[in-house]
Amino acid sequence: MYIPPLYREEDREEILAFLKHNNFPAIVSFDGERPIATHAPIEVAEDENGKITIYAHISRANPQWKTFGKQEILLIFQGAHTYISPRWYNHVNVPTWNYMMIHVYGTVRLLQGDDLFALFSRLVHNHEVNTPYSLESLPQDFVEKEMKGTVGFAIDVTRIDAGYKLSQNRNDEDHENIVRELNKREDKDSAKVARAMREKRQNSKHP
C-alpha cells in the first residue's frame, strides 16, 4: 500500500489495537490466475518476543485455503473513512478522503487437532462474554463434525503497512474546521474520523 511518510502510522500499540478492533479483514491470496479474497473473523496475538500472529478460519468448501502454500498473503483491515469537502478550507482546494487503513502481510500455517479446537474455543470465549455458551459445553462429537467443515490457520506476520490519513498536512484552522464539519454529520464514520483527527493532532503536539 502506498503511504506518504506524513500519513504512515508507526505506533505499535495503536496498530495492534486497530487490528483487534477491526477484526473482520479481507484475506487476499493469488490462485495462479487472479487475486481472490475472503472476509473472516480473526484473532491477533503477540508473544514475548514481539512476534505477531493472526489466527483465522474459513470454510473447507472455500477453495482459497488451497492457495496459501508458501506464498505471502495479504490481510486488509479497514477502519473509519469519510469524504472531506474543499469547502471546509480557508483557501481554494480539491475534495479528498480521510481514512484509517492497515495492510498486513504474512505466511500461513494450517492448524489441526487440538490447535484448531483451541482457536475456536478462544473465538467463542472472546465473543460470548458473560454467557454460559462455550465449545466445551457442547457435545464433542457435534463439535468435531463442525470442525471438519472448516480450515483453521495461523498467519505469521512479516510486514505491516499502516496508513492514517487524518489531515495531518492541514494548518490548525483548517484542521479544526474539518473536525467541526465532520461532527455535524450524523454518520458514525465521520464522528470516528473527527475523533481520530483530534487525537492525532494532540499527540503530535505532546509526544
N, C-alpha and C. Protein backbone atom coordinates (compact mmCIF):
# COMPACT_ATOMS: atom_id res chain seq x y z
N MET A 1 0.85 -1.19 0.00
CA MET A 1 0.00 0.00 0.00
C MET A 1 0.89 1.24 0.00
N TYR A 2 0.62 2.16 -0.91
CA TYR A 2 1.37 3.41 -0.96
C TYR A 2 0.93 4.30 0.20
N ILE A 3 1.90 4.73 1.02
CA ILE A 3 1.60 5.59 2.16
C ILE A 3 2.61 6.74 2.17
N PRO A 4 2.19 7.98 1.92
CA PRO A 4 3.11 9.10 2.08
C PRO A 4 3.65 9.12 3.51
N PRO A 5 4.91 9.50 3.70
CA PRO A 5 5.51 9.46 5.04
C PRO A 5 4.68 10.16 6.12
N LEU A 6 4.02 11.26 5.77
CA LEU A 6 3.26 12.01 6.76
C LEU A 6 2.09 11.21 7.32
N TYR A 7 1.58 10.26 6.53
CA TYR A 7 0.40 9.51 6.94
C TYR A 7 0.72 8.11 7.46
N ARG A 8 2.00 7.76 7.53
CA ARG A 8 2.37 6.42 8.00
C ARG A 8 2.25 6.35 9.52
N GLU A 9 1.50 5.34 9.98
CA GLU A 9 1.33 5.12 11.42
C GLU A 9 2.38 4.11 11.89
N GLU A 10 3.15 4.49 12.92
CA GLU A 10 4.24 3.64 13.40
C GLU A 10 4.02 3.15 14.83
N ASP A 11 3.01 3.68 15.52
CA ASP A 11 2.78 3.31 16.91
C ASP A 11 2.30 1.86 16.99
N ARG A 12 3.14 0.97 17.53
CA ARG A 12 2.84 -0.45 17.56
C ARG A 12 1.58 -0.76 18.37
N GLU A 13 1.43 -0.12 19.51
CA GLU A 13 0.25 -0.37 20.35
C GLU A 13 -1.02 0.08 19.64
N GLU A 14 -0.95 1.21 18.96
CA GLU A 14 -2.11 1.70 18.21
C GLU A 14 -2.46 0.73 17.08
N ILE A 15 -1.45 0.23 16.39
CA ILE A 15 -1.67 -0.70 15.29
C ILE A 15 -2.32 -1.99 15.80
N LEU A 16 -1.81 -2.55 16.88
CA LEU A 16 -2.37 -3.79 17.42
C LEU A 16 -3.81 -3.58 17.87
N ALA A 17 -4.08 -2.44 18.51
CA ALA A 17 -5.44 -2.14 18.95
C ALA A 17 -6.38 -2.03 17.75
N PHE A 18 -5.90 -1.41 16.67
CA PHE A 18 -6.70 -1.27 15.45
C PHE A 18 -7.03 -2.63 14.86
N LEU A 19 -6.04 -3.52 14.77
CA LEU A 19 -6.27 -4.85 14.21
C LEU A 19 -7.29 -5.62 15.04
N LYS A 20 -7.18 -5.52 16.36
CA LYS A 20 -8.09 -6.26 17.23
C LYS A 20 -9.51 -5.71 17.16
N HIS A 21 -9.64 -4.41 16.96
CA HIS A 21 -10.97 -3.79 16.91
C HIS A 21 -11.64 -4.03 15.56
N ASN A 22 -10.86 -3.94 14.50
CA ASN A 22 -11.40 -4.14 13.14
C ASN A 22 -11.08 -5.57 12.69
N ASN A 23 -11.69 -6.52 13.38
CA ASN A 23 -11.25 -7.92 13.31
C ASN A 23 -12.04 -8.77 12.31
N PHE A 24 -12.39 -8.16 11.17
CA PHE A 24 -13.04 -8.92 10.09
C PHE A 24 -12.42 -8.48 8.76
N PRO A 25 -11.12 -8.75 8.57
CA PRO A 25 -10.42 -8.25 7.39
C PRO A 25 -10.72 -9.07 6.15
N ALA A 26 -10.31 -8.53 5.01
CA ALA A 26 -10.28 -9.29 3.77
C ALA A 26 -8.95 -10.03 3.70
N ILE A 27 -9.01 -11.34 3.46
CA ILE A 27 -7.81 -12.15 3.33
C ILE A 27 -7.60 -12.41 1.84
N VAL A 28 -6.49 -11.91 1.31
CA VAL A 28 -6.26 -11.92 -0.13
C VAL A 28 -5.08 -12.82 -0.47
N SER A 29 -5.28 -13.70 -1.45
CA SER A 29 -4.19 -14.55 -1.95
C SER A 29 -4.30 -14.63 -3.46
N PHE A 30 -3.38 -15.38 -4.07
CA PHE A 30 -3.32 -15.49 -5.53
C PHE A 30 -3.47 -16.96 -5.92
N ASP A 31 -4.42 -17.26 -6.80
CA ASP A 31 -4.69 -18.65 -7.16
C ASP A 31 -3.94 -19.11 -8.40
N GLY A 32 -3.01 -18.29 -8.88
CA GLY A 32 -2.26 -18.63 -10.08
C GLY A 32 -2.75 -17.90 -11.30
N GLU A 33 -3.99 -17.41 -11.24
CA GLU A 33 -4.57 -16.67 -12.36
C GLU A 33 -5.05 -15.28 -11.95
N ARG A 34 -5.56 -15.16 -10.72
CA ARG A 34 -6.10 -13.88 -10.28
C ARG A 34 -6.09 -13.80 -8.75
N PRO A 35 -6.18 -12.58 -8.19
CA PRO A 35 -6.31 -12.45 -6.74
C PRO A 35 -7.70 -12.91 -6.31
N ILE A 36 -7.79 -13.55 -5.14
CA ILE A 36 -9.07 -13.93 -4.57
C ILE A 36 -9.08 -13.51 -3.11
N ALA A 37 -10.28 -13.31 -2.56
CA ALA A 37 -10.37 -12.80 -1.19
C ALA A 37 -11.54 -13.41 -0.45
N THR A 38 -11.37 -13.50 0.86
CA THR A 38 -12.44 -13.93 1.76
C THR A 38 -12.38 -13.05 3.01
N HIS A 39 -13.52 -12.63 3.50
CA HIS A 39 -13.57 -11.94 4.78
C HIS A 39 -13.78 -12.97 5.88
N ALA A 40 -13.05 -12.83 6.99
CA ALA A 40 -13.15 -13.80 8.07
C ALA A 40 -12.82 -13.15 9.40
N PRO A 41 -13.42 -13.64 10.49
CA PRO A 41 -13.06 -13.14 11.82
C PRO A 41 -11.67 -13.62 12.19
N ILE A 42 -10.93 -12.79 12.89
CA ILE A 42 -9.55 -13.14 13.23
C ILE A 42 -9.27 -12.88 14.70
N GLU A 43 -8.16 -13.45 15.15
CA GLU A 43 -7.64 -13.21 16.49
C GLU A 43 -6.19 -12.78 16.33
N VAL A 44 -5.78 -11.74 17.06
CA VAL A 44 -4.41 -11.23 16.99
C VAL A 44 -3.68 -11.57 18.27
N ALA A 45 -2.47 -12.12 18.14
CA ALA A 45 -1.68 -12.48 19.32
C ALA A 45 -0.25 -11.98 19.14
N GLU A 46 0.37 -11.58 20.23
CA GLU A 46 1.76 -11.14 20.24
C GLU A 46 2.49 -11.89 21.33
N ASP A 47 3.63 -12.51 20.99
CA ASP A 47 4.37 -13.27 22.01
C ASP A 47 5.37 -12.37 22.73
N GLU A 48 6.13 -12.97 23.65
CA GLU A 48 7.04 -12.18 24.49
C GLU A 48 8.19 -11.57 23.69
N ASN A 49 8.43 -12.08 22.48
CA ASN A 49 9.49 -11.54 21.63
C ASN A 49 8.97 -10.50 20.63
N GLY A 50 7.68 -10.20 20.74
CA GLY A 50 7.11 -9.20 19.84
C GLY A 50 6.62 -9.75 18.52
N LYS A 51 6.68 -11.07 18.33
CA LYS A 51 6.19 -11.67 17.09
C LYS A 51 4.67 -11.62 17.07
N ILE A 52 4.10 -11.18 15.96
CA ILE A 52 2.65 -11.08 15.81
C ILE A 52 2.14 -12.24 14.97
N THR A 53 1.12 -12.91 15.47
CA THR A 53 0.48 -14.00 14.75
C THR A 53 -1.01 -13.71 14.68
N ILE A 54 -1.60 -13.93 13.53
CA ILE A 54 -3.04 -13.74 13.35
C ILE A 54 -3.66 -15.10 13.06
N TYR A 55 -4.72 -15.43 13.80
CA TYR A 55 -5.40 -16.71 13.65
C TYR A 55 -6.75 -16.49 12.98
N ALA A 56 -7.11 -17.41 12.07
CA ALA A 56 -8.36 -17.27 11.33
C ALA A 56 -8.83 -18.64 10.87
N HIS A 57 -10.04 -18.66 10.33
CA HIS A 57 -10.55 -19.90 9.73
C HIS A 57 -11.54 -19.54 8.62
N ILE A 58 -11.65 -20.43 7.65
CA ILE A 58 -12.64 -20.29 6.59
C ILE A 58 -13.27 -21.66 6.34
N SER A 59 -14.32 -21.68 5.54
CA SER A 59 -14.98 -22.93 5.21
C SER A 59 -14.04 -23.81 4.38
N ARG A 60 -14.06 -25.11 4.67
CA ARG A 60 -13.26 -26.05 3.89
C ARG A 60 -13.75 -26.08 2.43
N ALA A 61 -15.03 -25.76 2.21
CA ALA A 61 -15.57 -25.73 0.85
C ALA A 61 -15.03 -24.55 0.05
N ASN A 62 -14.45 -23.58 0.72
CA ASN A 62 -13.87 -22.41 0.06
C ASN A 62 -12.49 -22.79 -0.47
N PRO A 63 -12.29 -22.81 -1.78
CA PRO A 63 -11.01 -23.28 -2.33
C PRO A 63 -9.83 -22.37 -2.04
N GLN A 64 -10.06 -21.19 -1.48
CA GLN A 64 -8.95 -20.27 -1.27
C GLN A 64 -7.85 -20.86 -0.37
N TRP A 65 -8.24 -21.69 0.60
CA TRP A 65 -7.23 -22.22 1.53
C TRP A 65 -6.18 -23.04 0.80
N LYS A 66 -6.53 -23.61 -0.35
CA LYS A 66 -5.58 -24.41 -1.11
C LYS A 66 -4.51 -23.54 -1.79
N THR A 67 -4.72 -22.22 -1.82
CA THR A 67 -3.75 -21.32 -2.47
C THR A 67 -2.68 -20.85 -1.51
N PHE A 68 -2.86 -21.07 -0.22
CA PHE A 68 -1.95 -20.47 0.75
C PHE A 68 -0.51 -20.95 0.56
N GLY A 69 -0.27 -22.26 0.67
CA GLY A 69 1.07 -22.79 0.43
C GLY A 69 2.14 -21.98 1.12
N LYS A 70 3.19 -21.64 0.37
CA LYS A 70 4.29 -20.85 0.90
C LYS A 70 4.23 -19.39 0.48
N GLN A 71 3.18 -19.02 -0.25
CA GLN A 71 3.09 -17.63 -0.71
C GLN A 71 2.74 -16.70 0.44
N GLU A 72 3.15 -15.45 0.30
CA GLU A 72 2.78 -14.43 1.27
C GLU A 72 1.37 -13.96 0.95
N ILE A 73 0.51 -13.87 1.95
CA ILE A 73 -0.84 -13.40 1.72
C ILE A 73 -1.01 -12.01 2.32
N LEU A 74 -2.11 -11.37 1.97
CA LEU A 74 -2.40 -10.01 2.41
C LEU A 74 -3.72 -9.97 3.16
N LEU A 75 -3.73 -9.28 4.30
CA LEU A 75 -4.96 -9.02 5.04
C LEU A 75 -5.20 -7.51 5.03
N ILE A 76 -6.41 -7.10 4.65
CA ILE A 76 -6.76 -5.69 4.58
C ILE A 76 -7.73 -5.36 5.70
N PHE A 77 -7.29 -4.51 6.62
CA PHE A 77 -8.10 -4.06 7.75
C PHE A 77 -8.54 -2.62 7.49
N GLN A 78 -9.83 -2.40 7.41
CA GLN A 78 -10.35 -1.06 7.12
C GLN A 78 -11.04 -0.48 8.34
N GLY A 79 -10.65 0.73 8.69
CA GLY A 79 -11.30 1.45 9.77
C GLY A 79 -12.23 2.51 9.22
N ALA A 80 -12.48 3.53 10.03
CA ALA A 80 -13.39 4.60 9.61
C ALA A 80 -12.78 5.39 8.45
N HIS A 81 -13.65 5.88 7.54
CA HIS A 81 -13.21 6.69 6.41
C HIS A 81 -14.36 7.60 6.01
N THR A 82 -14.02 8.73 5.41
CA THR A 82 -15.08 9.67 5.04
C THR A 82 -14.59 10.73 4.06
N TYR A 83 -15.52 11.32 3.36
CA TYR A 83 -15.26 12.39 2.40
C TYR A 83 -14.94 13.70 3.13
N ILE A 84 -13.96 14.44 2.59
CA ILE A 84 -13.59 15.75 3.13
C ILE A 84 -13.85 16.80 2.06
N SER A 85 -14.74 17.75 2.35
CA SER A 85 -15.13 18.75 1.36
C SER A 85 -14.11 19.89 1.29
N PRO A 86 -13.80 20.37 0.09
CA PRO A 86 -12.90 21.52 -0.05
C PRO A 86 -13.52 22.81 0.48
N ARG A 87 -14.82 22.80 0.72
CA ARG A 87 -15.49 24.00 1.27
C ARG A 87 -15.04 24.29 2.69
N TRP A 88 -14.39 23.33 3.33
CA TRP A 88 -14.02 23.48 4.74
C TRP A 88 -12.64 24.11 4.95
N TYR A 89 -11.94 24.45 3.84
CA TYR A 89 -10.63 25.08 3.96
C TYR A 89 -10.78 26.60 3.86
N ASN A 90 -9.74 27.30 4.31
CA ASN A 90 -9.75 28.76 4.18
C ASN A 90 -9.07 29.21 2.89
N HIS A 91 -8.96 28.28 1.92
CA HIS A 91 -8.36 28.60 0.64
C HIS A 91 -8.92 27.62 -0.40
N VAL A 92 -8.70 27.91 -1.66
CA VAL A 92 -9.19 27.05 -2.73
C VAL A 92 -8.46 25.71 -2.68
N ASN A 93 -9.22 24.64 -2.79
CA ASN A 93 -8.60 23.32 -2.74
C ASN A 93 -9.51 22.32 -3.44
N VAL A 94 -9.16 21.05 -3.37
CA VAL A 94 -9.92 19.99 -4.03
C VAL A 94 -10.47 19.02 -2.99
N PRO A 95 -11.50 18.23 -3.34
CA PRO A 95 -12.02 17.23 -2.41
C PRO A 95 -10.96 16.16 -2.11
N THR A 96 -11.10 15.53 -0.95
CA THR A 96 -10.20 14.43 -0.60
C THR A 96 -10.94 13.47 0.32
N TRP A 97 -10.22 12.49 0.83
CA TRP A 97 -10.81 11.45 1.66
C TRP A 97 -9.89 11.18 2.84
N ASN A 98 -10.44 11.12 4.04
CA ASN A 98 -9.67 10.73 5.21
C ASN A 98 -10.00 9.28 5.56
N TYR A 99 -9.01 8.56 6.07
CA TYR A 99 -9.23 7.14 6.32
C TYR A 99 -8.18 6.58 7.28
N MET A 100 -8.48 5.40 7.81
CA MET A 100 -7.54 4.62 8.60
C MET A 100 -7.55 3.21 8.02
N MET A 101 -6.39 2.77 7.55
CA MET A 101 -6.29 1.50 6.82
C MET A 101 -4.97 0.82 7.17
N ILE A 102 -5.02 -0.50 7.37
CA ILE A 102 -3.79 -1.25 7.63
C ILE A 102 -3.76 -2.49 6.75
N HIS A 103 -2.63 -2.70 6.09
CA HIS A 103 -2.37 -3.91 5.32
C HIS A 103 -1.36 -4.76 6.08
N VAL A 104 -1.67 -6.03 6.25
CA VAL A 104 -0.79 -6.96 6.96
C VAL A 104 -0.41 -8.08 6.01
N TYR A 105 0.88 -8.40 5.95
CA TYR A 105 1.38 -9.48 5.11
C TYR A 105 1.93 -10.60 5.99
N GLY A 106 1.80 -11.84 5.52
CA GLY A 106 2.33 -12.94 6.31
C GLY A 106 2.25 -14.26 5.57
N THR A 107 2.86 -15.28 6.18
CA THR A 107 2.82 -16.63 5.63
C THR A 107 1.94 -17.50 6.51
N VAL A 108 1.37 -18.55 5.92
CA VAL A 108 0.30 -19.32 6.56
C VAL A 108 0.79 -20.68 7.03
N ARG A 109 0.33 -21.06 8.23
CA ARG A 109 0.47 -22.41 8.76
C ARG A 109 -0.93 -22.96 9.04
N LEU A 110 -1.26 -24.12 8.52
CA LEU A 110 -2.56 -24.71 8.79
C LEU A 110 -2.59 -25.29 10.21
N LEU A 111 -3.75 -25.22 10.84
CA LEU A 111 -3.93 -25.73 12.20
C LEU A 111 -4.79 -26.98 12.17
N GLN A 112 -4.47 -27.92 13.04
CA GLN A 112 -5.23 -29.16 13.12
C GLN A 112 -5.39 -29.58 14.57
N GLY A 113 -6.31 -30.53 14.80
CA GLY A 113 -6.45 -31.16 16.10
C GLY A 113 -6.67 -30.19 17.23
N ASP A 114 -5.88 -30.33 18.29
CA ASP A 114 -6.04 -29.51 19.49
C ASP A 114 -5.82 -28.03 19.20
N ASP A 115 -4.91 -27.71 18.28
CA ASP A 115 -4.65 -26.30 17.96
C ASP A 115 -5.87 -25.66 17.31
N LEU A 116 -6.55 -26.41 16.46
CA LEU A 116 -7.75 -25.89 15.81
C LEU A 116 -8.88 -25.72 16.82
N PHE A 117 -9.05 -26.71 17.69
CA PHE A 117 -10.08 -26.61 18.72
C PHE A 117 -9.81 -25.41 19.63
N ALA A 118 -8.54 -25.22 20.00
CA ALA A 118 -8.18 -24.10 20.87
C ALA A 118 -8.52 -22.76 20.21
N LEU A 119 -8.30 -22.67 18.89
CA LEU A 119 -8.63 -21.43 18.17
C LEU A 119 -10.13 -21.15 18.27
N PHE A 120 -10.95 -22.14 17.97
CA PHE A 120 -12.39 -21.94 18.03
C PHE A 120 -12.86 -21.65 19.45
N SER A 121 -12.26 -22.31 20.42
CA SER A 121 -12.63 -22.08 21.81
C SER A 121 -12.35 -20.64 22.22
N ARG A 122 -11.20 -20.11 21.81
CA ARG A 122 -10.86 -18.72 22.15
C ARG A 122 -11.80 -17.74 21.46
N LEU A 123 -12.11 -18.00 20.19
CA LEU A 123 -13.01 -17.09 19.46
C LEU A 123 -14.38 -17.03 20.13
N VAL A 124 -14.91 -18.19 20.50
CA VAL A 124 -16.21 -18.21 21.16
C VAL A 124 -16.13 -17.50 22.50
N HIS A 125 -15.08 -17.79 23.26
CA HIS A 125 -14.92 -17.17 24.59
C HIS A 125 -14.82 -15.65 24.47
N ASN A 126 -14.11 -15.15 23.45
CA ASN A 126 -13.93 -13.71 23.29
C ASN A 126 -15.22 -12.98 22.93
N HIS A 127 -16.14 -13.69 22.29
CA HIS A 127 -17.38 -13.04 21.83
C HIS A 127 -18.59 -13.39 22.70
N GLU A 128 -18.56 -14.51 23.38
CA GLU A 128 -19.65 -14.89 24.28
C GLU A 128 -19.31 -14.44 25.71
N VAL A 129 -19.29 -13.13 25.87
CA VAL A 129 -18.92 -12.55 27.17
C VAL A 129 -20.10 -12.64 28.13
N ASN A 130 -19.84 -13.15 29.32
CA ASN A 130 -20.86 -13.27 30.38
C ASN A 130 -22.04 -14.13 29.95
N THR A 131 -21.76 -15.18 29.17
CA THR A 131 -22.78 -16.15 28.82
C THR A 131 -22.23 -17.54 29.12
N PRO A 132 -23.09 -18.53 29.29
CA PRO A 132 -22.59 -19.88 29.58
C PRO A 132 -22.18 -20.67 28.34
N TYR A 133 -22.35 -20.07 27.17
CA TYR A 133 -22.07 -20.82 25.94
C TYR A 133 -20.56 -21.00 25.75
N SER A 134 -20.13 -22.21 25.45
CA SER A 134 -18.74 -22.50 25.15
C SER A 134 -18.66 -23.77 24.34
N LEU A 135 -17.56 -23.96 23.62
CA LEU A 135 -17.39 -25.20 22.87
C LEU A 135 -17.32 -26.40 23.81
N GLU A 136 -16.71 -26.17 24.96
CA GLU A 136 -16.54 -27.26 25.91
C GLU A 136 -17.87 -27.76 26.46
N SER A 137 -18.91 -26.92 26.42
CA SER A 137 -20.21 -27.32 26.95
C SER A 137 -21.07 -28.05 25.92
N LEU A 138 -20.60 -28.11 24.68
CA LEU A 138 -21.37 -28.76 23.62
C LEU A 138 -20.99 -30.24 23.50
N PRO A 139 -21.85 -31.06 22.91
CA PRO A 139 -21.47 -32.46 22.64
C PRO A 139 -20.23 -32.47 21.75
N GLN A 140 -19.19 -33.17 22.18
CA GLN A 140 -17.92 -33.10 21.47
C GLN A 140 -17.96 -33.75 20.10
N ASP A 141 -18.84 -34.73 19.90
CA ASP A 141 -18.95 -35.31 18.56
C ASP A 141 -19.54 -34.29 17.58
N PHE A 142 -20.45 -33.45 18.09
CA PHE A 142 -21.01 -32.38 17.27
C PHE A 142 -19.94 -31.36 16.91
N VAL A 143 -19.11 -30.98 17.89
CA VAL A 143 -18.05 -30.01 17.66
C VAL A 143 -17.05 -30.54 16.63
N GLU A 144 -16.67 -31.80 16.79
CA GLU A 144 -15.70 -32.40 15.86
C GLU A 144 -16.26 -32.45 14.44
N LYS A 145 -17.55 -32.74 14.32
CA LYS A 145 -18.16 -32.77 13.00
C LYS A 145 -18.13 -31.39 12.35
N GLU A 146 -18.45 -30.36 13.13
CA GLU A 146 -18.45 -28.99 12.59
C GLU A 146 -17.04 -28.55 12.22
N MET A 147 -16.07 -28.93 13.03
CA MET A 147 -14.68 -28.55 12.76
C MET A 147 -14.18 -29.12 11.45
N LYS A 148 -14.68 -30.29 11.07
CA LYS A 148 -14.24 -30.92 9.83
C LYS A 148 -14.64 -30.09 8.60
N GLY A 149 -15.62 -29.22 8.76
CA GLY A 149 -16.06 -28.38 7.65
C GLY A 149 -15.31 -27.07 7.55
N THR A 150 -14.26 -26.90 8.36
CA THR A 150 -13.51 -25.65 8.36
C THR A 150 -12.02 -25.91 8.17
N VAL A 151 -11.31 -24.86 7.84
CA VAL A 151 -9.85 -24.89 7.78
C VAL A 151 -9.35 -23.74 8.64
N GLY A 152 -8.62 -24.07 9.70
CA GLY A 152 -8.04 -23.06 10.56
C GLY A 152 -6.58 -22.84 10.21
N PHE A 153 -6.10 -21.62 10.41
CA PHE A 153 -4.72 -21.33 10.05
C PHE A 153 -4.17 -20.18 10.88
N ALA A 154 -2.85 -20.18 11.00
CA ALA A 154 -2.13 -19.10 11.66
C ALA A 154 -1.31 -18.35 10.62
N ILE A 155 -1.33 -17.03 10.70
CA ILE A 155 -0.58 -16.19 9.78
C ILE A 155 0.57 -15.55 10.55
N ASP A 156 1.78 -15.94 10.21
CA ASP A 156 2.97 -15.35 10.82
C ASP A 156 3.26 -14.04 10.10
N VAL A 157 3.07 -12.93 10.80
CA VAL A 157 3.14 -11.61 10.18
C VAL A 157 4.58 -11.27 9.79
N THR A 158 4.76 -10.86 8.54
CA THR A 158 6.08 -10.48 8.03
C THR A 158 6.22 -8.97 7.82
N ARG A 159 5.11 -8.28 7.61
CA ARG A 159 5.16 -6.84 7.35
C ARG A 159 3.82 -6.21 7.63
N ILE A 160 3.84 -4.97 8.13
CA ILE A 160 2.62 -4.21 8.37
C ILE A 160 2.77 -2.82 7.76
N ASP A 161 1.80 -2.42 6.94
CA ASP A 161 1.75 -1.07 6.39
C ASP A 161 0.49 -0.40 6.93
N ALA A 162 0.67 0.61 7.75
CA ALA A 162 -0.46 1.29 8.38
C ALA A 162 -0.53 2.73 7.88
N GLY A 163 -1.67 3.08 7.28
CA GLY A 163 -1.86 4.43 6.77
C GLY A 163 -3.03 5.11 7.45
N TYR A 164 -2.76 6.22 8.14
CA TYR A 164 -3.81 7.03 8.77
C TYR A 164 -3.77 8.40 8.11
N LYS A 165 -4.65 8.64 7.17
CA LYS A 165 -4.72 9.96 6.52
C LYS A 165 -5.78 10.78 7.25
N LEU A 166 -5.31 11.70 8.11
CA LEU A 166 -6.20 12.42 9.01
C LEU A 166 -5.93 13.92 8.99
N SER A 167 -5.73 14.43 7.79
CA SER A 167 -5.50 15.87 7.59
C SER A 167 -4.28 16.37 8.36
N GLN A 168 -3.24 15.52 8.48
CA GLN A 168 -2.03 15.95 9.17
C GLN A 168 -1.34 17.11 8.45
N ASN A 169 -1.63 17.28 7.15
CA ASN A 169 -0.98 18.32 6.37
C ASN A 169 -1.69 19.66 6.45
N ARG A 170 -2.75 19.75 7.23
CA ARG A 170 -3.51 21.00 7.31
C ARG A 170 -3.10 21.83 8.52
N ASN A 171 -3.20 23.17 8.36
CA ASN A 171 -2.89 24.04 9.50
C ASN A 171 -3.99 23.92 10.55
N ASP A 172 -3.77 24.51 11.70
CA ASP A 172 -4.69 24.34 12.82
C ASP A 172 -6.10 24.85 12.50
N GLU A 173 -6.20 25.94 11.77
CA GLU A 173 -7.52 26.49 11.45
C GLU A 173 -8.30 25.55 10.55
N ASP A 174 -7.67 25.09 9.48
CA ASP A 174 -8.36 24.17 8.57
C ASP A 174 -8.67 22.85 9.28
N HIS A 175 -7.72 22.38 10.07
CA HIS A 175 -7.92 21.12 10.79
C HIS A 175 -9.13 21.21 11.70
N GLU A 176 -9.25 22.30 12.44
CA GLU A 176 -10.38 22.46 13.34
C GLU A 176 -11.69 22.61 12.57
N ASN A 177 -11.66 23.28 11.43
CA ASN A 177 -12.86 23.40 10.60
C ASN A 177 -13.34 22.03 10.13
N ILE A 178 -12.40 21.19 9.71
CA ILE A 178 -12.75 19.85 9.24
C ILE A 178 -13.39 19.04 10.36
N VAL A 179 -12.78 19.09 11.53
CA VAL A 179 -13.33 18.35 12.69
C VAL A 179 -14.74 18.84 13.01
N ARG A 180 -14.91 20.13 13.00
CA ARG A 180 -16.23 20.71 13.32
C ARG A 180 -17.28 20.26 12.31
N GLU A 181 -16.95 20.31 11.02
CA GLU A 181 -17.90 19.92 9.99
C GLU A 181 -18.21 18.43 10.04
N LEU A 182 -17.20 17.62 10.32
CA LEU A 182 -17.44 16.17 10.42
C LEU A 182 -18.39 15.86 11.57
N ASN A 183 -18.24 16.58 12.66
CA ASN A 183 -19.10 16.34 13.83
C ASN A 183 -20.54 16.79 13.60
N LYS A 184 -20.78 17.58 12.56
CA LYS A 184 -22.15 17.98 12.22
C LYS A 184 -22.90 16.86 11.51
N ARG A 185 -22.16 15.95 10.92
CA ARG A 185 -22.79 14.84 10.24
C ARG A 185 -23.35 13.84 11.25
N GLU A 186 -24.23 12.96 10.76
CA GLU A 186 -24.87 12.01 11.66
C GLU A 186 -24.32 10.59 11.54
N ASP A 187 -23.39 10.37 10.59
CA ASP A 187 -22.88 9.01 10.42
C ASP A 187 -21.72 8.75 11.38
N LYS A 188 -21.55 7.49 11.76
CA LYS A 188 -20.55 7.10 12.74
C LYS A 188 -19.13 7.26 12.21
N ASP A 189 -18.92 6.98 10.93
CA ASP A 189 -17.57 7.09 10.38
C ASP A 189 -17.03 8.51 10.48
N SER A 190 -17.88 9.50 10.18
CA SER A 190 -17.43 10.89 10.27
C SER A 190 -17.04 11.25 11.69
N ALA A 191 -17.83 10.78 12.66
CA ALA A 191 -17.53 11.05 14.06
C ALA A 191 -16.22 10.38 14.48
N LYS A 192 -16.00 9.14 14.01
CA LYS A 192 -14.77 8.43 14.36
C LYS A 192 -13.55 9.09 13.74
N VAL A 193 -13.67 9.54 12.50
CA VAL A 193 -12.56 10.23 11.86
C VAL A 193 -12.26 11.55 12.57
N ALA A 194 -13.29 12.28 12.94
CA ALA A 194 -13.09 13.55 13.67
C ALA A 194 -12.36 13.30 14.98
N ARG A 195 -12.77 12.27 15.70
CA ARG A 195 -12.12 11.95 16.98
C ARG A 195 -10.66 11.54 16.77
N ALA A 196 -10.42 10.73 15.74
CA ALA A 196 -9.05 10.30 15.45
C ALA A 196 -8.18 11.48 15.03
N MET A 197 -8.76 12.42 14.29
CA MET A 197 -8.02 13.61 13.89
C MET A 197 -7.58 14.41 15.10
N ARG A 198 -8.48 14.61 16.04
CA ARG A 198 -8.15 15.37 17.25
C ARG A 198 -7.06 14.66 18.05
N GLU A 199 -7.19 13.35 18.21
CA GLU A 199 -6.21 12.59 18.98
C GLU A 199 -4.84 12.63 18.32
N LYS A 200 -4.82 12.49 17.00
CA LYS A 200 -3.54 12.51 16.27
C LYS A 200 -2.88 13.88 16.39
N ARG A 201 -3.66 14.95 16.25
CA ARG A 201 -3.10 16.31 16.36
C ARG A 201 -2.59 16.58 17.77
N GLN A 202 -3.32 16.16 18.79
CA GLN A 202 -2.89 16.35 20.18
C GLN A 202 -1.62 15.57 20.48
N ASN A 203 -1.54 14.35 19.98
CA ASN A 203 -0.35 13.53 20.24
C ASN A 203 0.88 14.09 19.54
N SER A 204 0.67 14.69 18.36
CA SER A 204 1.81 15.24 17.63
C SER A 204 2.36 16.48 18.33
N LYS A 205 1.50 17.18 19.07
CA LYS A 205 1.94 18.38 19.79
C LYS A 205 2.49 18.03 21.17
N HIS A 206 2.08 16.87 21.72
CA HIS A 206 2.53 16.47 23.05
C HIS A 206 2.98 15.02 23.02
N PRO A 207 4.12 14.76 22.40
CA PRO A 207 4.60 13.38 22.28
C PRO A 207 4.97 12.78 23.65
